[in-house]
Structure formats: C-alpha cells, structure tokens
C-alpha cells in the first residue's frame, strides 16, 4: 500500500479536521493509502522534519490555514524532497488553496488529492532561506494578518481582517522603501507592499486577476502614501476587484526583487509574522507539484 504523511493544525478555523480525522483515514484506506497523521503544535515541525527523513512517503499533505501550509512546505523543500503536496484548507482565508482552485469543503478537498492530478507551481524564496506559496507583505496593514484575535477569526472569518484593517486607518504610518526589480527601481513612501504568487490575499478575491502560479513571475503591489480617505478608497477598490484603476498603487512584475527600508518593518509571509527588511525575493518556476482539481474539458 502507498503511504502518505499528513500534518494538521487542530486549532485552525472551526477545528473540523480533528473531529473528522477517522473519516479522513478511512477515505485514504479505501483508496489503498495509509496515512501517518502528525499534529501541528509547538514541536510539531521538529517531528515533521524527523519524519521526512524516512523513505517511502508517496506524498505529503497539510491541513490548516496558510501559515500551516507554509510551514509544511518549508519543511519539505528545505529537506530537498520532491513529492506531491496536498492541501486541505481549514483556516480563515485559505488564500493559497483558493488561488489553486482547491475547494474549502473537506470531502471535496480530499477528492482532489485522491484523484491524483498534480500541477507544477511556482514558489517564492526570501533571502535564499524561506519559501512561500502565496504572499509576502510588509507595512501596517500586513500586520493585520498576524495581529487579529483568533477567536474573532473563528467567529466571523475573513471579515475579521477587514474590521481590524479599518481600525488601523487612524494609526497608519508610511515608510520609505526602495524596490529594485529586473528592469526598474522605485523609491517611494509606502503604506504597504504585497508580493503575490496567486490571485487572492487576506480574503480579498482577484487582487491581481492576471496572476499565474505557473509563470515564474511575482506580481508586486506598492500602496503609496496618501490621505486616509484615499486609503479607504484603495480598500474599496480591492474589495470590488478594481485595483487596475487605483491611482495610489504601483504594480510591477518580475522574477526577482530587492526591498530595502530604514524602517524596522516585519513581514507577513503567507499570513505569518516572519523576518524583516531588507529582503531579496526570487521566484522559482514550477518548483513543486501540488494536487489540484482536474481541468474541465
């Protein structure tokens, strides 16, 4: 029988996966696959690193929010392991899964993995150390992703991020930044920068409609310093999928970039607080294989 490693975060979202663990095991056993569950916790990643040293796993799958998916991805790639990666979304926004078309329904997400269809997907790499699948951001509003109360996120989902973001309008402070890409250098006072692989971030849909997880290019959004009311208009344009017309945003596409600032600015990497500027980010084209829905004919 095949064997797969399954890491799950018991505290993600509505905590459905721990209650359905036997059901998940049963679904895979019926398909001739034995899964080894591993609980994501304070020492879970140490165990994952150890278990990945074992041979014989046909694939790795992870259940949780974007941060859990990121942690599992990094553990695998830093080991130099190239096996298919499955995602069972169970977090608040599930931006990575949504960008890949993976359904939020548990059984439908399991169907995607069991059907066995994989696609090759780009990954971002920060300072040659940390990988990400969906986003890397910096600025006051980026801090919303890791500063929002977990209980509120469980109660109202992605709306919690919007409400937290609105509460920050009065305190938002710009920072000076220098962004160097393959063919351009931008020096601006910014409120926020976003580096995206997929189309969705922090619950916003189609932030960059043209974004493609297989083209080897990152899409960068720079939100320039502006008045609070204009910043509110920017948020409305994001919510209405109308960012192309936003005059306070600069959009860039590149394979590699460097972002520098004199400000002490922490990052949000796939929704988790991680490191700070300066950073160099490169995109690795079709770096991993991910289970994804079978394309319709």
Protein backbone atom coordinates (compact mmCIF):
# COMPACT_ATOMS: atom_id res chain seq x y z
CA UNK A 1 0.00 0.00 0.00
CA UNK A 2 1.03 3.59 -0.54
CA UNK A 3 1.99 5.70 2.48
CA UNK A 4 1.46 9.44 2.96
CA UNK A 5 2.33 11.93 5.70
CA UNK A 6 -0.50 14.15 6.94
CA UNK A 7 0.20 17.22 9.08
CA UNK A 8 -2.83 19.01 10.52
CA UNK A 9 -3.35 22.07 12.70
CA UNK A 10 -6.01 21.22 15.32
CA UNK A 11 -6.66 24.89 16.08
CA UNK A 12 -7.26 26.14 12.53
CA UNK A 13 -10.59 27.67 11.57
CA UNK A 14 -13.57 25.87 13.08
CA UNK A 15 -11.40 22.92 14.22
CA UNK A 16 -13.24 20.49 11.96
CA UNK A 17 -10.31 18.33 10.88
CA UNK A 18 -9.54 16.80 14.34
CA UNK A 19 -13.19 15.75 14.60
CA UNK A 20 -13.02 14.20 11.14
CA UNK A 21 -9.63 12.53 11.47
CA UNK A 22 -11.02 8.97 11.45
CA UNK A 23 -13.11 9.83 8.39
CA UNK A 24 -10.00 11.14 6.61
CA UNK A 25 -8.04 8.00 7.47
CA UNK A 26 -10.92 5.87 6.20
CA UNK A 27 -11.16 7.74 2.88
CA UNK A 28 -7.50 7.07 2.14
CA UNK A 29 -7.56 3.47 3.34
CA UNK A 30 -10.41 2.80 0.92
CA UNK A 31 -8.08 4.05 -1.82
CA UNK A 32 -5.22 1.79 -0.66
CA UNK A 33 -3.26 4.57 1.05
CA UNK A 34 -2.08 4.52 4.67
CA UNK A 35 -1.70 8.00 6.13
CA UNK A 36 0.53 8.94 9.05
CA UNK A 37 -1.14 11.84 10.93
CA UNK A 38 1.06 14.42 12.66
CA UNK A 39 -0.40 17.11 14.91
CA UNK A 40 0.94 20.60 14.20
CA UNK A 41 1.94 22.20 17.52
CA UNK A 42 4.82 23.85 19.33
CA UNK A 43 7.14 20.95 18.49
CA UNK A 44 5.22 19.59 15.51
CA UNK A 45 7.65 20.90 12.93
CA UNK A 46 10.59 19.20 14.67
CA UNK A 47 8.72 15.91 14.39
CA UNK A 48 7.86 16.65 10.77
CA UNK A 49 11.50 17.29 9.90
CA UNK A 50 12.44 13.99 11.53
CA UNK A 51 9.67 12.03 9.82
CA UNK A 52 10.54 13.44 6.42
CA UNK A 53 13.91 11.73 6.77
CA UNK A 54 12.08 8.43 6.45
CA UNK A 55 11.73 6.95 2.98
CA UNK A 56 8.54 5.65 1.46
CA UNK A 57 6.09 8.54 1.58
CA UNK A 58 4.29 8.93 -1.73
CA UNK A 59 3.12 12.44 -0.87
CA UNK A 60 2.76 14.99 1.93
CA UNK A 61 -0.49 16.76 2.71
CA UNK A 62 -1.23 19.54 5.15
CA UNK A 63 -4.43 20.85 6.70
CA UNK A 64 -4.73 24.27 8.29
CA UNK A 65 -4.53 27.91 7.32
CA UNK A 66 -1.97 29.49 5.02
CA UNK A 67 0.61 29.58 7.82
CA UNK A 68 0.38 25.83 8.43
CA UNK A 69 0.62 25.15 4.69
CA UNK A 70 3.71 27.37 4.57
CA UNK A 71 5.39 25.59 7.48
CA UNK A 72 4.84 22.15 5.93
CA UNK A 73 6.05 23.38 2.53
CA UNK A 74 9.25 24.80 4.02
CA UNK A 75 9.97 21.61 5.94
CA UNK A 76 9.69 19.60 2.74
CA UNK A 77 11.64 21.89 0.42
CA UNK A 78 14.47 22.52 2.90
CA UNK A 79 14.98 18.76 3.00
CA UNK A 80 15.28 18.72 -0.79
CA UNK A 81 12.27 16.41 -1.00
CA UNK A 82 10.27 16.42 -4.22
CA UNK A 83 6.99 14.60 -3.63
CA UNK A 84 3.47 15.85 -4.43
CA UNK A 85 1.99 18.27 -1.90
CA UNK A 86 -1.68 18.14 -0.92
CA UNK A 87 -3.67 20.96 0.69
CA UNK A 88 -6.79 20.54 2.82
CA UNK A 89 -7.84 24.13 3.61
CA UNK A 90 -9.20 24.70 7.11
CA UNK A 91 -8.07 28.21 8.02
CA UNK A 92 -9.71 31.64 7.94
CA UNK A 93 -8.91 32.88 4.44
CA UNK A 94 -7.23 29.91 2.74
CA UNK A 95 -5.71 32.18 0.10
CA UNK A 96 -3.27 29.55 -1.16
CA UNK A 97 -5.98 26.95 -1.68
CA UNK A 98 -8.29 29.45 -3.35
CA UNK A 99 -5.54 30.54 -5.75
CA UNK A 100 -5.13 26.88 -6.74
CA UNK A 101 -8.87 26.24 -7.07
CA UNK A 102 -8.93 23.78 -4.15
CA UNK A 103 -12.41 23.67 -2.57
CA UNK A 104 -12.91 24.50 1.11
CA UNK A 105 -15.30 21.58 1.64
CA UNK A 106 -13.38 18.79 3.38
CA UNK A 107 -14.55 15.86 1.26
CA UNK A 108 -14.15 17.79 -1.97
CA UNK A 109 -10.60 18.73 -0.97
CA UNK A 110 -9.90 15.07 -0.23
CA UNK A 111 -11.33 14.17 -3.65
CA UNK A 112 -8.77 16.48 -5.28
CA UNK A 113 -5.89 14.59 -3.62
CA UNK A 114 -7.38 11.15 -4.24
CA UNK A 115 -7.94 11.91 -7.93
CA UNK A 116 -4.17 12.29 -8.17
CA UNK A 117 -3.97 15.23 -10.59
CA UNK A 118 -0.95 17.46 -9.90
CA UNK A 119 0.30 20.72 -11.37
CA UNK A 120 3.72 22.33 -11.12
CA UNK A 121 3.58 25.55 -9.12
CA UNK A 122 5.99 28.44 -8.53
CA UNK A 123 7.33 29.25 -5.08
CA UNK A 124 8.79 32.46 -3.76
CA UNK A 125 12.11 32.33 -1.93
CA UNK A 126 13.07 35.04 0.58
CA UNK A 127 16.77 35.67 1.24
CA UNK A 128 17.57 32.16 -0.01
CA UNK A 129 16.03 30.81 3.20
CA UNK A 130 12.24 30.92 3.40
CA UNK A 131 9.75 29.70 0.81
CA UNK A 132 6.21 30.91 0.31
CA UNK A 133 3.35 29.78 -1.88
CA UNK A 134 1.05 32.78 -1.92
CA UNK A 135 2.23 36.09 -0.47
CA UNK A 136 4.90 38.17 1.22
CA UNK A 137 3.85 41.57 2.52
CA UNK A 138 5.09 44.44 4.67
CA UNK A 139 3.55 47.54 6.22
CA UNK A 140 0.90 48.45 8.76
CA UNK A 141 -1.88 46.51 7.06
CA UNK A 142 0.31 43.44 6.57
CA UNK A 143 0.47 43.23 10.36
CA UNK A 144 -3.30 42.71 10.39
CA UNK A 145 -2.84 39.15 9.17
CA UNK A 146 -0.97 38.08 12.30
CA UNK A 147 -2.44 40.62 14.75
CA UNK A 148 -6.10 39.63 14.55
CA UNK A 149 -7.58 37.77 17.51
CA UNK A 150 -8.02 34.04 16.83
CA UNK A 151 -11.44 33.88 18.49
CA UNK A 152 -12.72 36.72 16.30
CA UNK A 153 -11.35 34.99 13.19
CA UNK A 154 -13.21 31.82 14.15
CA UNK A 155 -16.44 33.78 14.64
CA UNK A 156 -16.53 35.98 11.55
CA UNK A 157 -13.79 34.63 9.30
CA UNK A 158 -12.11 36.91 6.75
CA UNK A 159 -14.33 39.82 7.85
CA UNK A 160 -12.14 39.97 10.97
CA UNK A 161 -9.21 41.13 8.82
CA UNK A 162 -11.27 43.89 7.21
CA UNK A 163 -12.51 45.18 10.56
CA UNK A 164 -9.02 45.08 12.03
CA UNK A 165 -7.69 46.90 8.96
CA UNK A 166 -10.29 49.64 9.29
CA UNK A 167 -9.34 50.11 12.95
CA UNK A 168 -5.74 50.79 11.85
CA UNK A 169 -6.58 53.65 9.48
CA UNK A 170 -6.00 56.34 12.12
CA UNK A 171 -2.61 54.90 13.11
CA UNK A 172 -1.21 54.00 9.73
CA UNK A 173 2.28 55.36 9.10
CA UNK A 174 4.17 55.42 5.80
CA UNK A 175 7.70 54.12 5.38
CA UNK A 176 10.36 54.93 2.82
CA UNK A 177 11.29 52.00 0.63
CA UNK A 178 13.47 51.20 -2.36
CA UNK A 179 12.26 48.39 -4.62
CA UNK A 180 14.61 47.06 -7.27
CA UNK A 181 13.29 44.63 -9.88
CA UNK A 182 14.76 43.06 -13.02
CA UNK A 183 14.17 46.22 -15.01
CA UNK A 184 13.08 49.02 -12.69
CA UNK A 185 13.88 50.83 -9.44
CA UNK A 186 11.15 52.54 -7.41
CA UNK A 187 11.76 54.77 -4.39
CA UNK A 188 8.55 55.82 -2.64
CA UNK A 189 6.88 56.45 0.69
CA UNK A 190 4.57 53.49 1.10
CA UNK A 191 1.85 52.21 3.37
CA UNK A 192 2.13 48.64 2.15
CA UNK A 193 3.82 46.32 -0.30
CA UNK A 194 2.43 42.99 -1.46
CA UNK A 195 4.31 40.30 -3.35
CA UNK A 196 1.84 37.79 -4.77
CA UNK A 197 2.04 34.43 -6.45
CA UNK A 198 -1.70 33.76 -6.60
CA UNK A 199 -4.71 35.99 -7.17
CA UNK A 200 -6.03 36.18 -3.60
CA UNK A 201 -4.71 37.60 -0.32
CA UNK A 202 -6.19 38.20 3.18
CA UNK A 203 -9.62 37.16 1.95
CA UNK A 204 -9.61 39.63 -0.96
CA UNK A 205 -10.52 38.00 -4.27
CA UNK A 206 -8.74 38.53 -7.59
CA UNK A 207 -6.42 41.23 -6.26
CA UNK A 208 -4.29 40.59 -9.34
CA UNK A 209 -6.54 38.95 -11.92
CA UNK A 210 -3.64 38.17 -14.27
CA UNK A 211 -1.56 36.42 -11.58
CA UNK A 212 -0.49 32.95 -12.60
CA UNK A 213 1.08 30.44 -10.19
CA UNK A 214 2.98 28.79 -13.05
CA UNK A 215 4.57 31.68 -14.96
CA UNK A 216 7.69 32.18 -12.82
CA UNK A 217 6.76 35.83 -12.16
CA UNK A 218 5.76 37.64 -8.99
CA UNK A 219 3.18 40.41 -9.02
CA UNK A 220 4.04 43.32 -6.73
CA UNK A 221 1.61 45.95 -5.45
CA UNK A 222 3.01 49.09 -3.83
CA UNK A 223 0.48 51.23 -1.97
CA UNK A 224 1.76 54.81 -1.97
CA UNK A 225 1.39 57.31 0.85
CA UNK A 226 -1.95 59.11 0.60
CA UNK A 227 -4.69 60.65 2.74
CA UNK A 228 -6.80 58.35 4.97
CA UNK A 229 -9.91 58.80 2.83
CA UNK A 230 -7.94 57.90 -0.28
CA UNK A 231 -6.62 54.84 1.55
CA UNK A 232 -10.20 53.83 2.30
CA UNK A 233 -10.91 54.14 -1.42
CA UNK A 234 -8.00 51.82 -2.13
CA UNK A 235 -9.52 49.21 0.20
CA UNK A 236 -12.86 49.55 -1.58
CA UNK A 237 -11.17 49.04 -4.96
CA UNK A 238 -9.54 45.88 -3.63
CA UNK A 239 -12.87 44.56 -2.39
CA UNK A 240 -14.53 45.31 -5.73
CA UNK A 241 -11.74 43.72 -7.84
CA UNK A 242 -10.99 47.14 -9.34
CA UNK A 243 -7.35 47.62 -8.43
CA UNK A 244 -6.26 48.24 -12.03
CA UNK A 245 -7.75 51.75 -11.80
CA UNK A 246 -6.25 52.59 -8.41
CA UNK A 247 -4.04 55.67 -8.78
CA UNK A 248 -2.31 55.18 -5.42
CA UNK A 249 -0.98 51.74 -6.33
CA UNK A 250 2.06 50.82 -8.41
CA UNK A 251 2.04 47.37 -9.99
CA UNK A 252 5.19 45.53 -11.03
CA UNK A 253 6.01 42.09 -12.47
CA UNK A 254 9.42 40.50 -12.12
CA UNK A 255 11.33 37.30 -11.41
CA UNK A 256 13.44 38.83 -8.67
CA UNK A 257 13.30 41.91 -6.46
CA UNK A 258 15.04 43.56 -3.54
CA UNK A 259 13.15 45.67 -1.00
CA UNK A 260 15.05 47.97 1.36
CA UNK A 261 13.94 50.42 4.03
CA UNK A 262 15.38 52.29 7.01
CA UNK A 263 12.22 51.45 8.95
CA UNK A 264 12.05 48.42 11.24
CA UNK A 265 9.42 46.56 9.28
CA UNK A 266 8.34 42.99 9.92
CA UNK A 267 6.93 40.77 7.19
CA UNK A 268 3.77 38.76 6.79
CA UNK A 269 4.68 35.60 4.87
CA UNK A 270 1.63 33.55 3.90
CA UNK A 271 -0.12 35.31 6.79
CA UNK A 272 2.50 34.64 9.46
CA UNK A 273 4.95 37.09 11.08
CA UNK A 274 8.38 36.23 9.75
CA UNK A 275 11.60 38.25 9.48
CA UNK A 276 12.03 41.86 8.42
CA UNK A 277 13.52 44.10 5.74
CA UNK A 278 15.76 44.19 3.78
CA UNK A 279 14.83 41.19 1.64
CA UNK A 280 15.68 39.71 -1.71
CA UNK A 281 12.89 37.65 -3.22
CA UNK A 282 13.23 35.34 -6.19
CA UNK A 283 10.61 33.15 -7.85
CA UNK A 284 11.37 29.51 -8.63
CA UNK A 285 9.37 28.46 -11.67
CA UNK A 286 7.29 25.28 -11.26
CA UNK A 287 9.27 24.34 -8.19
CA UNK A 288 6.80 21.93 -6.57
CA UNK A 289 3.98 19.58 -7.53
CA UNK A 290 0.64 20.30 -5.90
CA UNK A 291 -2.58 18.31 -6.06
CA UNK A 292 -5.12 20.46 -7.90
CA UNK A 293 -8.56 19.96 -9.45
CA UNK A 294 -8.56 18.18 -12.79
CA UNK A 295 -9.09 20.75 -15.56
CA UNK A 296 -12.57 20.59 -17.06
CA UNK A 297 -12.78 19.72 -20.75
